[in-house]
Amino acid sequence: MTATDLLLLAATVGAGLTAGLCFAFATFIMRALDRLGAPSAIRAMQSINATILRSTAMLVWFGTAVVGVAAAIAVPDTAHRQTLAIVAAVLYGLGAIAVTGRGNVPLNEALARIDPESPGAADEWNNYLRRWHRWNVIRTAMMTIATAGFALAR
C-alpha cells in the first residue's frame, strides 16, 4: 500500500465517521432530544455541544479536511482518480467546515445562551431544531458524497 493509498483510506474513513455522526443527528438524535421537551432538550444539546468541542471527534473532523486535501494533491490523475479526490476534498471541506461554521455553530452558540426554563425557551428550541436540522442535512449529504468520492478515488 502506497502513501497515497493510505491518505485516501484515512480520508475515506474520516469522512465516513463524520458523515455517520451527522447522519445519527439527522435521523434520530435530534428527534429523541425533542421528545424530552424543550427544557431537557436544550440542556442536553448544550451539554453535547460543549462536550464535542473537547472530544476526539474534532480531531477526526478537522484532520479529515487536511488529509483529504493531501490525498487530492497526491493522487495521480489516472482514470479521473484525482478529479474524484479533489471533488471529495472540496465537498468535505464545504460541508464539515463552511456549512458547520456558517450554519450549525452560530445556532449552537445562540442555544448556549438560552435559559432552558425561560418562558420563551420552547419557541427558541423549536426554531433552533428546525434551522439546525436543515443545516445538518446539507452537511451530512456533502460529507456522505465526499466519503464516496474518496473511496472511488482509491
C-alpha atoms as a PDB file:
ATOM      1  CA  MET A   1       0.000   0.000   0.000  1.00  0.00           C
ATOM      2  CA  THR A   2       1.391   3.377  -1.024  1.00  0.00           C
ATOM      3  CA  ALA A   3       1.350   6.624   0.929  1.00  0.00           C
ATOM      4  CA  THR A   4      -1.337   7.896  -1.444  1.00  0.00           C
ATOM      5  CA  ASP A   5      -3.443   4.805  -0.742  1.00  0.00           C
ATOM      6  CA  LEU A   6      -3.064   5.431   2.998  1.00  0.00           C
ATOM      7  CA  LEU A   7      -4.096   9.077   2.606  1.00  0.00           C
ATOM      8  CA  LEU A   8      -7.174   8.076   0.616  1.00  0.00           C
ATOM      9  CA  LEU A   9      -8.035   5.386   3.128  1.00  0.00           C
ATOM     10  CA  ALA A  10      -7.706   7.823   6.031  1.00  0.00           C
ATOM     11  CA  ALA A  11      -9.803  10.437   4.190  1.00  0.00           C
ATOM     12  CA  THR A  12     -12.466   7.828   3.408  1.00  0.00           C
ATOM     13  CA  VAL A  13     -12.640   6.580   6.990  1.00  0.00           C
ATOM     14  CA  GLY A  14     -12.603  10.096   8.464  1.00  0.00           C
ATOM     15  CA  ALA A  15     -15.275  11.394   6.100  1.00  0.00           C
ATOM     16  CA  GLY A  16     -17.366   8.305   6.776  1.00  0.00           C
ATOM     17  CA  LEU A  17     -17.092   8.745  10.531  1.00  0.00           C
ATOM     18  CA  THR A  18     -18.102  12.406  10.440  1.00  0.00           C
ATOM     19  CA  ALA A  19     -20.888  11.779   7.925  1.00  0.00           C
ATOM     20  CA  GLY A  20     -22.133   8.988  10.184  1.00  0.00           C
ATOM     21  CA  LEU A  21     -22.076  11.256  13.211  1.00  0.00           C
ATOM     22  CA  CYS A  22     -24.142  13.862  11.375  1.00  0.00           C
ATOM     23  CA  PHE A  23     -26.423  11.153   9.963  1.00  0.00           C
ATOM     24  CA  ALA A  24     -27.182   9.973  13.503  1.00  0.00           C
ATOM     25  CA  PHE A  25     -28.179  13.518  14.475  1.00  0.00           C
ATOM     26  CA  ALA A  26     -30.273  13.873  11.312  1.00  0.00           C
ATOM     27  CA  THR A  27     -32.143  10.615  11.699  1.00  0.00           C
ATOM     28  CA  PHE A  28     -32.757  10.075  15.397  1.00  0.00           C
ATOM     29  CA  ILE A  29     -30.733  12.039  17.955  1.00  0.00           C
ATOM     30  CA  MET A  30     -32.468  15.380  17.439  1.00  0.00           C
ATOM     31  CA  ARG A  31     -35.891  13.699  17.398  1.00  0.00           C
ATOM     32  CA  ALA A  32     -35.066  11.894  20.622  1.00  0.00           C
ATOM     33  CA  LEU A  33     -33.987  15.160  22.243  1.00  0.00           C
ATOM     34  CA  ASP A  34     -37.155  16.877  21.041  1.00  0.00           C
ATOM     35  CA  ARG A  35     -39.277  14.158  22.661  1.00  0.00           C
ATOM     36  CA  LEU A  36     -37.798  15.130  26.037  1.00  0.00           C
ATOM     37  CA  GLY A  37     -39.453  18.547  25.920  1.00  0.00           C
ATOM     38  CA  ALA A  38     -37.768  21.881  25.359  1.00  0.00           C
ATOM     39  CA  PRO A  39     -36.046  22.391  28.739  1.00  0.00           C
ATOM     40  CA  SER A  40     -34.461  18.927  28.759  1.00  0.00           C
ATOM     41  CA  ALA A  41     -33.673  19.050  25.039  1.00  0.00           C
ATOM     42  CA  ILE A  42     -31.942  22.413  25.407  1.00  0.00           C
ATOM     43  CA  ARG A  43     -29.895  21.209  28.386  1.00  0.00           C
ATOM     44  CA  ALA A  44     -28.909  18.015  26.562  1.00  0.00           C
ATOM     45  CA  MET A  45     -27.903  19.811  23.361  1.00  0.00           C
ATOM     46  CA  GLN A  46     -25.980  22.436  25.333  1.00  0.00           C
ATOM     47  CA  SER A  47     -24.085  19.596  27.000  1.00  0.00           C
ATOM     48  CA  ILE A  48     -23.468  17.795  23.702  1.00  0.00           C
ATOM     49  CA  ASN A  49     -22.171  20.999  22.087  1.00  0.00           C
ATOM     50  CA  ALA A  50     -19.818  21.736  24.981  1.00  0.00           C
ATOM     51  CA  THR A  51     -18.566  18.151  25.145  1.00  0.00           C
ATOM     52  CA  ILE A  52     -17.967  17.563  21.441  1.00  0.00           C
ATOM     53  CA  LEU A  53     -15.624  20.534  21.201  1.00  0.00           C
ATOM     54  CA  ARG A  54     -13.202  18.791  23.571  1.00  0.00           C
ATOM     55  CA  SER A  55     -13.523  15.340  22.063  1.00  0.00           C
ATOM     56  CA  THR A  56     -11.608  13.170  19.620  1.00  0.00           C
ATOM     57  CA  ALA A  57     -14.403  13.852  17.154  1.00  0.00           C
ATOM     58  CA  MET A  58     -12.898  17.298  16.484  1.00  0.00           C
ATOM     59  CA  LEU A  59      -9.533  15.751  15.624  1.00  0.00           C
ATOM     60  CA  VAL A  60     -11.252  13.486  13.097  1.00  0.00           C
ATOM     61  CA  TRP A  61     -13.496  16.333  11.868  1.00  0.00           C
ATOM     62  CA  PHE A  62     -10.677  18.767  11.085  1.00  0.00           C
ATOM     63  CA  GLY A  63      -7.984  16.162  10.454  1.00  0.00           C
ATOM     64  CA  THR A  64     -10.060  14.676   7.654  1.00  0.00           C
ATOM     65  CA  ALA A  65     -10.138  18.050   5.924  1.00  0.00           C
ATOM     66  CA  VAL A  66      -6.336  18.219   5.994  1.00  0.00           C
ATOM     67  CA  VAL A  67      -5.851  14.577   4.992  1.00  0.00           C
ATOM     68  CA  GLY A  68      -8.445  14.952   2.240  1.00  0.00           C
ATOM     69  CA  VAL A  69      -6.565  17.864   0.679  1.00  0.00           C
ATOM     70  CA  ALA A  70      -3.270  15.960   0.955  1.00  0.00           C
ATOM     71  CA  ALA A  71      -4.872  12.939  -0.696  1.00  0.00           C
ATOM     72  CA  ALA A  72      -6.301  15.061  -3.505  1.00  0.00           C
ATOM     73  CA  ILE A  73      -2.852  16.501  -4.190  1.00  0.00           C
ATOM     74  CA  ALA A  74      -1.125  13.111  -4.025  1.00  0.00           C
ATOM     75  CA  VAL A  75      -3.481  11.083  -6.211  1.00  0.00           C
ATOM     76  CA  PRO A  76      -2.292  10.693  -9.787  1.00  0.00           C
ATOM     77  CA  ASP A  77      -4.848  11.785 -12.360  1.00  0.00           C
ATOM     78  CA  THR A  78      -5.316   8.357 -13.857  1.00  0.00           C
ATOM     79  CA  ALA A  79      -8.869   7.302 -14.688  1.00  0.00           C
ATOM     80  CA  HIS A  80     -10.086  10.565 -13.147  1.00  0.00           C
ATOM     81  CA  ARG A  81      -8.952   9.496  -9.672  1.00  0.00           C
ATOM     82  CA  GLN A  82      -7.523  12.900  -8.832  1.00  0.00           C
ATOM     83  CA  THR A  83     -10.678  14.648 -10.009  1.00  0.00           C
ATOM     84  CA  LEU A  84     -12.737  12.441  -7.698  1.00  0.00           C
ATOM     85  CA  ALA A  85     -10.390  13.122  -4.799  1.00  0.00           C
ATOM     86  CA  ILE A  86     -10.459  16.887  -5.423  1.00  0.00           C
ATOM     87  CA  VAL A  87     -14.253  16.950  -5.595  1.00  0.00           C
ATOM     88  CA  ALA A  88     -14.406  14.850  -2.418  1.00  0.00           C
ATOM     89  CA  ALA A  89     -11.979  17.151  -0.580  1.00  0.00           C
ATOM     90  CA  VAL A  90     -13.897  20.252  -1.646  1.00  0.00           C
ATOM     91  CA  LEU A  91     -17.255  18.748  -0.669  1.00  0.00           C
ATOM     92  CA  TYR A  92     -15.899  17.581   2.663  1.00  0.00           C
ATOM     93  CA  GLY A  93     -14.384  20.984   3.416  1.00  0.00           C
ATOM     94  CA  LEU A  94     -17.533  22.825   2.410  1.00  0.00           C
ATOM     95  CA  GLY A  95     -19.769  20.515   4.427  1.00  0.00           C
ATOM     96  CA  ALA A  96     -17.641  19.968   7.501  1.00  0.00           C
ATOM     97  CA  ILE A  97     -16.156  23.420   7.813  1.00  0.00           C
ATOM     98  CA  ALA A  98     -18.131  26.005   5.805  1.00  0.00           C
ATOM     99  CA  VAL A  99     -21.674  24.743   6.403  1.00  0.00           C
ATOM    100  CA  THR A 100     -20.934  23.858  10.012  1.00  0.00           C
ATOM    101  CA  GLY A 101     -19.203  27.181  10.668  1.00  0.00           C
ATOM    102  CA  ARG A 102     -21.836  29.340   8.999  1.00  0.00           C
ATOM    103  CA  GLY A 103     -24.907  27.307   9.870  1.00  0.00           C
ATOM    104  CA  ASN A 104     -24.690  24.985  12.845  1.00  0.00           C
ATOM    105  CA  VAL A 105     -22.091  26.712  15.036  1.00  0.00           C
ATOM    106  CA  PRO A 106     -23.892  30.086  15.244  1.00  0.00           C
ATOM    107  CA  LEU A 107     -27.087  28.257  16.174  1.00  0.00           C
ATOM    108  CA  ASN A 108     -25.212  26.270  18.829  1.00  0.00           C
ATOM    109  CA  GLU A 109     -23.709  29.455  20.235  1.00  0.00           C
ATOM    110  CA  ALA A 110     -27.169  31.064  20.434  1.00  0.00           C
ATOM    111  CA  LEU A 111     -28.584  27.948  22.110  1.00  0.00           C
ATOM    112  CA  ALA A 112     -25.798  28.084  24.717  1.00  0.00           C
ATOM    113  CA  ARG A 113     -27.152  31.460  25.872  1.00  0.00           C
ATOM    114  CA  ILE A 114     -30.727  30.225  26.384  1.00  0.00           C
ATOM    115  CA  ASP A 115     -32.047  29.502  29.847  1.00  0.00           C
ATOM    116  CA  PRO A 116     -33.949  26.218  29.398  1.00  0.00           C
ATOM    117  CA  GLU A 117     -36.526  27.336  31.982  1.00  0.00           C
ATOM    118  CA  SER A 118     -37.216  30.761  30.451  1.00  0.00           C
ATOM    119  CA  PRO A 119     -40.750  31.492  29.170  1.00  0.00           C
ATOM    120  CA  GLY A 120     -39.695  31.575  25.501  1.00  0.00           C
ATOM    121  CA  ALA A 121     -37.435  28.520  25.662  1.00  0.00           C
ATOM    122  CA  ALA A 122     -39.846  26.203  23.844  1.00  0.00           C
ATOM    123  CA  ASP A 123     -40.155  28.623  20.904  1.00  0.00           C
ATOM    124  CA  GLU A 124     -36.378  29.089  20.863  1.00  0.00           C
ATOM    125  CA  TRP A 125     -35.870  25.310  20.838  1.00  0.00           C
ATOM    126  CA  ASN A 126     -38.362  24.774  18.004  1.00  0.00           C
ATOM    127  CA  ASN A 127     -36.673  27.461  15.911  1.00  0.00           C
ATOM    128  CA  TYR A 128     -33.228  26.052  16.698  1.00  0.00           C
ATOM    129  CA  LEU A 129     -34.294  22.488  15.916  1.00  0.00           C
ATOM    130  CA  ARG A 130     -35.789  23.372  12.524  1.00  0.00           C
ATOM    131  CA  ARG A 131     -32.865  25.512  11.374  1.00  0.00           C
ATOM    132  CA  TRP A 132     -30.126  23.294  12.847  1.00  0.00           C
ATOM    133  CA  HIS A 133     -31.632  20.190  11.223  1.00  0.00           C
ATOM    134  CA  ARG A 134     -31.712  21.845   7.794  1.00  0.00           C
ATOM    135  CA  TRP A 135     -28.011  22.780   8.000  1.00  0.00           C
ATOM    136  CA  ASN A 136     -27.148  19.349   9.362  1.00  0.00           C
ATOM    137  CA  VAL A 137     -28.860  17.536   6.484  1.00  0.00           C
ATOM    138  CA  ILE A 138     -26.910  19.657   3.990  1.00  0.00           C
ATOM    139  CA  ARG A 139     -23.548  18.881   5.587  1.00  0.00           C
ATOM    140  CA  THR A 140     -24.447  15.214   6.042  1.00  0.00           C
ATOM    141  CA  ALA A 141     -25.173  14.893   2.330  1.00  0.00           C
ATOM    142  CA  MET A 142     -21.952  16.680   1.391  1.00  0.00           C
ATOM    143  CA  MET A 143     -19.803  14.551   3.702  1.00  0.00           C
ATOM    144  CA  THR A 144     -21.503  11.356   2.542  1.00  0.00           C
ATOM    145  CA  ILE A 145     -20.821  12.185  -1.098  1.00  0.00           C
ATOM    146  CA  ALA A 146     -17.242  13.092  -0.123  1.00  0.00           C
ATOM    147  CA  THR A 147     -16.853   9.682   1.514  1.00  0.00           C
ATOM    148  CA  ALA A 148     -17.928   8.002  -1.710  1.00  0.00           C
ATOM    149  CA  GLY A 149     -15.584  10.221  -3.727  1.00  0.00           C
ATOM    150  CA  PHE A 150     -12.575   9.346  -1.590  1.00  0.00           C
ATOM    151  CA  ALA A 151     -13.476   5.655  -1.795  1.00  0.00           C
ATOM    152  CA  LEU A 152     -13.880   5.759  -5.565  1.00  0.00           C
ATOM    153  CA  ALA A 153     -10.569   7.598  -5.966  1.00  0.00           C
ATOM    154  CA  ARG A 154      -8.771   4.593  -4.470  1.00  0.00           C
END
